[in-house]
Amino acid sequence: MPSIFTRIIHREIPAFVVAEDEKHIAFLDISPLAIGHTLVIPKREEDYIFDLSDQELSELMIFSKKIASAMMKSVSCKRIGLSVIGLEVPHAHVHLVPLNSMGDINFSNPKVKLSKEEFVAIAEKIKSNFSS
C-alpha cells in the first residue's frame, strides 16, 4: 500500500506544496511545530532515509537546502533546523523547522494551529522565494 506521502505525490491527497522537482517534493507539515514547518521527501518511496543511495541522499539534502533558503526569506526565525525521525510515516523524509531557540524543534511541543488560508499564504510565500 502506498504511503500517505506517495498519495500526496500522486495528488490523491491534498497538500500545501511549496516546491518540487522530478525527484523531490516539499510541502507544509499539517501539524507544524512552527509556522513554515516543511517536509521534504524523495518521490521514490523508501521507508528508511539511510536506505536511500548515496546519490539520492545527497540530492535530498541539496533540495532541502534550497527549501530552507526559501523558508529563511519567508518566515521570521534565526535558523532552519533539520530533523530526521522517520517513525511516523514509512517514507523517507526530513523536517525543516523554523527555529528561534533549541526547544523549537521538540516534537512533544504543542503544534501550531493554522487555518487553511494561513497554510495557503505561507506555502505561497515560500514558493515565491524558492529558486530551483
N, C-alpha and C. Protein backbone atom coordinates (compact mmCIF):
# COMPACT_ATOMS: atom_id res chain seq x y z
N MET A 1 0.85 -1.18 0.00
CA MET A 1 0.00 0.00 0.00
C MET A 1 0.89 1.24 0.00
N PRO A 2 0.60 2.22 -0.85
CA PRO A 2 1.43 3.43 -0.90
C PRO A 2 1.33 4.23 0.40
N SER A 3 2.42 4.88 0.76
CA SER A 3 2.42 5.72 1.96
C SER A 3 1.55 6.95 1.71
N ILE A 4 1.18 7.63 2.78
CA ILE A 4 0.42 8.87 2.65
C ILE A 4 1.20 9.89 1.82
N PHE A 5 2.54 9.85 1.93
CA PHE A 5 3.35 10.79 1.15
C PHE A 5 3.31 10.45 -0.34
N THR A 6 3.32 9.18 -0.67
CA THR A 6 3.20 8.78 -2.08
C THR A 6 1.85 9.22 -2.61
N ARG A 7 0.83 9.14 -1.79
CA ARG A 7 -0.51 9.59 -2.21
C ARG A 7 -0.51 11.11 -2.44
N ILE A 8 0.27 11.85 -1.65
CA ILE A 8 0.41 13.29 -1.89
C ILE A 8 1.13 13.55 -3.20
N ILE A 9 2.21 12.81 -3.44
CA ILE A 9 2.96 12.95 -4.70
C ILE A 9 2.04 12.76 -5.90
N HIS A 10 1.15 11.77 -5.82
CA HIS A 10 0.24 11.45 -6.92
C HIS A 10 -1.03 12.31 -6.90
N ARG A 11 -1.05 13.27 -5.98
CA ARG A 11 -2.17 14.22 -5.85
C ARG A 11 -3.49 13.53 -5.52
N GLU A 12 -3.39 12.38 -4.83
CA GLU A 12 -4.59 11.70 -4.35
C GLU A 12 -5.06 12.33 -3.05
N ILE A 13 -4.15 12.97 -2.35
CA ILE A 13 -4.43 13.67 -1.10
C ILE A 13 -3.90 15.08 -1.26
N PRO A 14 -4.67 16.09 -0.85
CA PRO A 14 -4.18 17.47 -1.00
C PRO A 14 -3.05 17.77 -0.02
N ALA A 15 -2.21 18.69 -0.42
CA ALA A 15 -1.11 19.16 0.43
C ALA A 15 -0.78 20.59 0.02
N PHE A 16 -0.14 21.30 0.93
CA PHE A 16 0.30 22.66 0.67
C PHE A 16 1.73 22.59 0.15
N VAL A 17 1.86 22.31 -1.15
CA VAL A 17 3.16 22.10 -1.79
C VAL A 17 3.88 23.44 -1.95
N VAL A 18 5.15 23.46 -1.54
CA VAL A 18 5.95 24.68 -1.68
C VAL A 18 6.94 24.59 -2.83
N ALA A 19 7.33 23.37 -3.22
CA ALA A 19 8.26 23.20 -4.34
C ALA A 19 8.34 21.73 -4.70
N GLU A 20 8.72 21.48 -5.94
CA GLU A 20 9.02 20.11 -6.35
C GLU A 20 9.88 20.13 -7.59
N ASP A 21 10.59 19.04 -7.77
CA ASP A 21 11.33 18.80 -9.00
C ASP A 21 11.03 17.37 -9.41
N GLU A 22 11.78 16.84 -10.34
CA GLU A 22 11.48 15.50 -10.84
C GLU A 22 11.68 14.40 -9.79
N LYS A 23 12.49 14.67 -8.75
CA LYS A 23 12.80 13.63 -7.77
C LYS A 23 12.31 13.91 -6.35
N HIS A 24 11.85 15.14 -6.07
CA HIS A 24 11.51 15.53 -4.70
C HIS A 24 10.27 16.40 -4.67
N ILE A 25 9.66 16.44 -3.50
CA ILE A 25 8.55 17.36 -3.28
C ILE A 25 8.65 17.86 -1.83
N ALA A 26 8.28 19.12 -1.64
CA ALA A 26 8.29 19.73 -0.31
C ALA A 26 6.91 20.33 -0.06
N PHE A 27 6.38 20.07 1.12
CA PHE A 27 5.05 20.57 1.47
C PHE A 27 4.99 20.87 2.96
N LEU A 28 4.07 21.74 3.32
CA LEU A 28 3.93 22.13 4.72
C LEU A 28 3.43 20.96 5.55
N ASP A 29 3.99 20.83 6.75
CA ASP A 29 3.51 19.86 7.72
C ASP A 29 2.15 20.35 8.22
N ILE A 30 1.14 19.48 8.24
CA ILE A 30 -0.18 19.92 8.67
C ILE A 30 -0.33 19.97 10.19
N SER A 31 0.67 19.50 10.92
CA SER A 31 0.74 19.64 12.38
C SER A 31 2.08 20.27 12.73
N PRO A 32 2.25 21.53 12.36
CA PRO A 32 3.58 22.15 12.45
C PRO A 32 4.02 22.50 13.86
N LEU A 33 5.32 22.42 14.07
CA LEU A 33 5.94 22.91 15.31
C LEU A 33 6.06 24.42 15.26
N ALA A 34 6.14 24.98 14.06
CA ALA A 34 6.28 26.43 13.86
C ALA A 34 5.67 26.77 12.50
N ILE A 35 5.31 28.01 12.33
CA ILE A 35 4.80 28.45 11.04
C ILE A 35 5.89 28.25 9.99
N GLY A 36 5.56 27.53 8.94
CA GLY A 36 6.51 27.25 7.87
C GLY A 36 7.16 25.88 7.95
N HIS A 37 6.90 25.11 9.01
CA HIS A 37 7.44 23.75 9.15
C HIS A 37 7.12 22.96 7.88
N THR A 38 8.16 22.48 7.23
CA THR A 38 8.03 21.86 5.91
C THR A 38 8.63 20.46 5.91
N LEU A 39 7.98 19.56 5.19
CA LEU A 39 8.50 18.21 4.98
C LEU A 39 9.08 18.13 3.58
N VAL A 40 10.23 17.50 3.46
CA VAL A 40 10.87 17.31 2.16
C VAL A 40 11.08 15.81 1.98
N ILE A 41 10.62 15.31 0.83
CA ILE A 41 10.68 13.87 0.61
C ILE A 41 11.16 13.55 -0.80
N PRO A 42 11.77 12.38 -0.95
CA PRO A 42 12.05 11.90 -2.30
C PRO A 42 10.75 11.35 -2.89
N LYS A 43 10.57 11.47 -4.17
CA LYS A 43 9.36 10.92 -4.79
C LYS A 43 9.39 9.39 -4.84
N ARG A 44 10.59 8.83 -4.87
CA ARG A 44 10.69 7.37 -4.83
C ARG A 44 10.45 6.94 -3.39
N GLU A 45 9.47 6.10 -3.19
CA GLU A 45 9.14 5.66 -1.83
C GLU A 45 10.20 4.71 -1.30
N GLU A 46 10.79 5.11 -0.19
CA GLU A 46 11.76 4.30 0.54
C GLU A 46 11.47 4.57 2.01
N ASP A 47 11.32 3.54 2.81
CA ASP A 47 10.93 3.70 4.20
C ASP A 47 11.98 4.44 5.03
N TYR A 48 13.21 3.99 4.99
CA TYR A 48 14.26 4.47 5.89
C TYR A 48 15.23 5.36 5.12
N ILE A 49 15.44 6.55 5.62
CA ILE A 49 16.26 7.53 4.90
C ILE A 49 17.66 7.00 4.58
N PHE A 50 18.22 6.21 5.47
CA PHE A 50 19.57 5.72 5.24
C PHE A 50 19.62 4.48 4.35
N ASP A 51 18.45 4.08 3.82
CA ASP A 51 18.41 3.08 2.75
C ASP A 51 18.41 3.73 1.38
N LEU A 52 18.33 5.06 1.33
CA LEU A 52 18.49 5.77 0.06
C LEU A 52 19.93 5.58 -0.41
N SER A 53 20.12 5.59 -1.71
CA SER A 53 21.50 5.52 -2.22
C SER A 53 22.24 6.80 -1.80
N ASP A 54 23.55 6.77 -1.87
CA ASP A 54 24.33 7.97 -1.54
C ASP A 54 23.90 9.15 -2.42
N GLN A 55 23.69 8.88 -3.69
CA GLN A 55 23.29 9.95 -4.60
C GLN A 55 21.91 10.49 -4.22
N GLU A 56 20.96 9.59 -3.93
CA GLU A 56 19.61 10.03 -3.56
C GLU A 56 19.63 10.86 -2.27
N LEU A 57 20.42 10.41 -1.30
CA LEU A 57 20.51 11.14 -0.04
C LEU A 57 21.13 12.52 -0.26
N SER A 58 22.19 12.57 -1.06
CA SER A 58 22.83 13.85 -1.38
C SER A 58 21.85 14.79 -2.08
N GLU A 59 21.13 14.28 -3.04
CA GLU A 59 20.17 15.10 -3.78
C GLU A 59 19.04 15.59 -2.88
N LEU A 60 18.59 14.73 -1.95
CA LEU A 60 17.55 15.13 -1.00
C LEU A 60 18.05 16.28 -0.12
N MET A 61 19.29 16.19 0.33
CA MET A 61 19.84 17.25 1.18
C MET A 61 20.03 18.56 0.39
N ILE A 62 20.46 18.46 -0.85
CA ILE A 62 20.63 19.66 -1.68
C ILE A 62 19.28 20.32 -1.94
N PHE A 63 18.26 19.51 -2.24
CA PHE A 63 16.92 20.07 -2.43
C PHE A 63 16.42 20.70 -1.12
N SER A 64 16.67 20.04 0.00
CA SER A 64 16.27 20.56 1.32
C SER A 64 16.95 21.90 1.60
N LYS A 65 18.21 22.03 1.20
CA LYS A 65 18.94 23.29 1.40
C LYS A 65 18.26 24.42 0.65
N LYS A 66 17.80 24.15 -0.57
CA LYS A 66 17.10 25.17 -1.36
C LYS A 66 15.77 25.55 -0.70
N ILE A 67 15.08 24.57 -0.16
CA ILE A 67 13.82 24.84 0.55
C ILE A 67 14.11 25.68 1.79
N ALA A 68 15.14 25.31 2.55
CA ALA A 68 15.49 26.06 3.76
C ALA A 68 15.82 27.52 3.43
N SER A 69 16.50 27.74 2.34
CA SER A 69 16.82 29.10 1.91
C SER A 69 15.54 29.89 1.64
N ALA A 70 14.59 29.28 0.95
CA ALA A 70 13.30 29.95 0.68
C ALA A 70 12.55 30.20 1.99
N MET A 71 12.62 29.26 2.91
CA MET A 71 11.95 29.43 4.20
C MET A 71 12.53 30.60 4.98
N MET A 72 13.86 30.74 4.97
CA MET A 72 14.52 31.84 5.70
C MET A 72 14.04 33.19 5.19
N LYS A 73 13.73 33.27 3.91
CA LYS A 73 13.25 34.52 3.31
C LYS A 73 11.76 34.73 3.57
N SER A 74 11.09 33.70 4.07
CA SER A 74 9.63 33.73 4.15
C SER A 74 9.07 33.81 5.56
N VAL A 75 9.80 33.31 6.53
CA VAL A 75 9.29 33.29 7.92
C VAL A 75 10.32 33.94 8.84
N SER A 76 9.83 34.46 9.92
CA SER A 76 10.70 35.10 10.90
C SER A 76 11.33 34.04 11.80
N CYS A 77 12.64 33.86 11.68
CA CYS A 77 13.35 32.88 12.51
C CYS A 77 14.85 33.14 12.43
N LYS A 78 15.58 32.55 13.38
CA LYS A 78 17.03 32.67 13.39
C LYS A 78 17.70 31.65 12.48
N ARG A 79 17.14 30.46 12.43
CA ARG A 79 17.70 29.35 11.65
C ARG A 79 16.58 28.44 11.18
N ILE A 80 16.93 27.57 10.25
CA ILE A 80 16.05 26.47 9.88
C ILE A 80 16.72 25.20 10.39
N GLY A 81 16.04 24.51 11.28
CA GLY A 81 16.55 23.26 11.81
C GLY A 81 16.11 22.09 10.95
N LEU A 82 16.88 21.02 10.98
CA LEU A 82 16.56 19.82 10.22
C LEU A 82 16.48 18.64 11.17
N SER A 83 15.44 17.86 11.03
CA SER A 83 15.28 16.67 11.85
C SER A 83 14.87 15.50 10.97
N VAL A 84 15.44 14.35 11.26
CA VAL A 84 15.06 13.11 10.59
C VAL A 84 14.63 12.16 11.69
N ILE A 85 13.37 11.79 11.66
CA ILE A 85 12.87 10.85 12.67
C ILE A 85 12.45 9.57 11.96
N GLY A 86 11.46 9.69 11.09
CA GLY A 86 11.10 8.58 10.22
C GLY A 86 10.26 7.48 10.82
N LEU A 87 9.70 7.69 11.98
CA LEU A 87 8.87 6.64 12.57
C LEU A 87 7.39 6.81 12.25
N GLU A 88 6.98 8.04 11.98
CA GLU A 88 5.56 8.32 11.84
C GLU A 88 4.98 7.97 10.46
N VAL A 89 5.78 8.04 9.42
CA VAL A 89 5.33 7.69 8.06
C VAL A 89 6.44 6.85 7.42
N PRO A 90 6.09 5.69 6.86
CA PRO A 90 7.12 4.82 6.26
C PRO A 90 7.56 5.30 4.88
N HIS A 91 8.07 6.51 4.84
CA HIS A 91 8.56 7.12 3.60
C HIS A 91 9.64 8.11 4.03
N ALA A 92 10.84 7.94 3.55
CA ALA A 92 11.96 8.81 3.96
C ALA A 92 11.56 10.27 3.83
N HIS A 93 11.90 11.06 4.85
CA HIS A 93 11.58 12.49 4.82
C HIS A 93 12.40 13.24 5.86
N VAL A 94 12.53 14.52 5.61
CA VAL A 94 13.18 15.40 6.59
C VAL A 94 12.18 16.49 6.96
N HIS A 95 12.28 16.91 8.21
CA HIS A 95 11.51 18.05 8.71
C HIS A 95 12.42 19.26 8.68
N LEU A 96 11.97 20.34 8.08
CA LEU A 96 12.66 21.62 8.15
C LEU A 96 11.79 22.52 9.02
N VAL A 97 12.37 22.95 10.16
CA VAL A 97 11.59 23.67 11.16
C VAL A 97 12.24 25.03 11.44
N PRO A 98 11.47 26.12 11.27
CA PRO A 98 11.99 27.43 11.65
C PRO A 98 12.29 27.47 13.16
N LEU A 99 13.48 27.97 13.51
CA LEU A 99 13.92 27.96 14.91
C LEU A 99 14.28 29.36 15.40
N ASN A 100 13.91 29.62 16.63
CA ASN A 100 14.40 30.79 17.36
C ASN A 100 15.08 30.37 18.65
N SER A 101 14.89 29.09 19.03
CA SER A 101 15.56 28.53 20.21
C SER A 101 15.69 27.02 20.02
N MET A 102 16.54 26.40 20.83
CA MET A 102 16.75 24.95 20.74
C MET A 102 15.45 24.18 20.98
N GLY A 103 14.60 24.69 21.86
CA GLY A 103 13.37 23.99 22.19
C GLY A 103 12.34 23.98 21.08
N ASP A 104 12.54 24.79 20.05
CA ASP A 104 11.55 24.89 18.97
C ASP A 104 11.44 23.61 18.14
N ILE A 105 12.42 22.73 18.22
CA ILE A 105 12.39 21.51 17.40
C ILE A 105 12.05 20.28 18.26
N ASN A 106 11.44 20.52 19.40
CA ASN A 106 10.99 19.45 20.29
C ASN A 106 9.62 18.98 19.82
N PHE A 107 9.55 17.76 19.32
CA PHE A 107 8.31 17.26 18.74
C PHE A 107 7.22 16.97 19.76
N SER A 108 7.52 17.10 21.04
CA SER A 108 6.47 16.96 22.05
C SER A 108 5.83 18.32 22.37
N ASN A 109 6.34 19.40 21.77
CA ASN A 109 5.73 20.72 21.94
C ASN A 109 4.33 20.73 21.33
N PRO A 110 3.46 21.61 21.84
CA PRO A 110 2.15 21.75 21.20
C PRO A 110 2.32 22.20 19.75
N LYS A 111 1.44 21.71 18.90
CA LYS A 111 1.51 22.06 17.48
C LYS A 111 0.81 23.40 17.25
N VAL A 112 1.27 24.11 16.24
CA VAL A 112 0.69 25.39 15.85
C VAL A 112 -0.61 25.10 15.09
N LYS A 113 -1.65 25.81 15.43
CA LYS A 113 -2.94 25.66 14.73
C LYS A 113 -3.07 26.77 13.70
N LEU A 114 -3.28 26.39 12.44
CA LEU A 114 -3.42 27.35 11.36
C LEU A 114 -4.68 27.06 10.55
N SER A 115 -5.26 28.10 10.02
CA SER A 115 -6.41 27.93 9.12
C SER A 115 -5.90 27.54 7.74
N LYS A 116 -6.81 27.06 6.92
CA LYS A 116 -6.45 26.72 5.54
C LYS A 116 -5.86 27.94 4.83
N GLU A 117 -6.44 29.11 5.07
CA GLU A 117 -5.96 30.33 4.44
C GLU A 117 -4.54 30.67 4.89
N GLU A 118 -4.24 30.43 6.16
CA GLU A 118 -2.88 30.68 6.66
C GLU A 118 -1.88 29.70 6.04
N PHE A 119 -2.27 28.42 5.91
CA PHE A 119 -1.40 27.45 5.25
C PHE A 119 -1.14 27.88 3.80
N VAL A 120 -2.19 28.27 3.10
CA VAL A 120 -2.05 28.69 1.70
C VAL A 120 -1.10 29.88 1.59
N ALA A 121 -1.28 30.86 2.48
CA ALA A 121 -0.45 32.08 2.44
C ALA A 121 1.02 31.76 2.66
N ILE A 122 1.34 30.94 3.66
CA ILE A 122 2.75 30.65 3.93
C ILE A 122 3.33 29.77 2.83
N ALA A 123 2.54 28.83 2.30
CA ALA A 123 3.03 28.00 1.18
C ALA A 123 3.36 28.88 -0.02
N GLU A 124 2.49 29.83 -0.33
CA GLU A 124 2.72 30.73 -1.46
C GLU A 124 3.96 31.59 -1.23
N LYS A 125 4.15 32.03 0.00
CA LYS A 125 5.32 32.86 0.31
C LYS A 125 6.61 32.07 0.11
N ILE A 126 6.66 30.86 0.65
CA ILE A 126 7.85 30.02 0.47
C ILE A 126 8.06 29.71 -1.01
N LYS A 127 6.98 29.37 -1.69
CA LYS A 127 7.05 29.06 -3.13
C LYS A 127 7.63 30.24 -3.90
N SER A 128 7.20 31.45 -3.56
CA SER A 128 7.68 32.62 -4.29
C SER A 128 9.16 32.92 -4.04
N ASN A 129 9.70 32.41 -2.92
CA ASN A 129 11.12 32.62 -2.59
C ASN A 129 12.01 31.44 -2.98
N PHE A 130 11.41 30.41 -3.57
CA PHE A 130 12.17 29.22 -3.96
C PHE A 130 12.79 29.43 -5.33
N SER A 131 14.08 29.14 -5.43
CA SER A 131 14.73 29.13 -6.74
C SER A 131 15.36 27.78 -6.96
N SER A 132 15.00 27.15 -8.05
CA SER A 132 15.48 25.80 -8.33
C SER A 132 16.86 25.78 -8.84
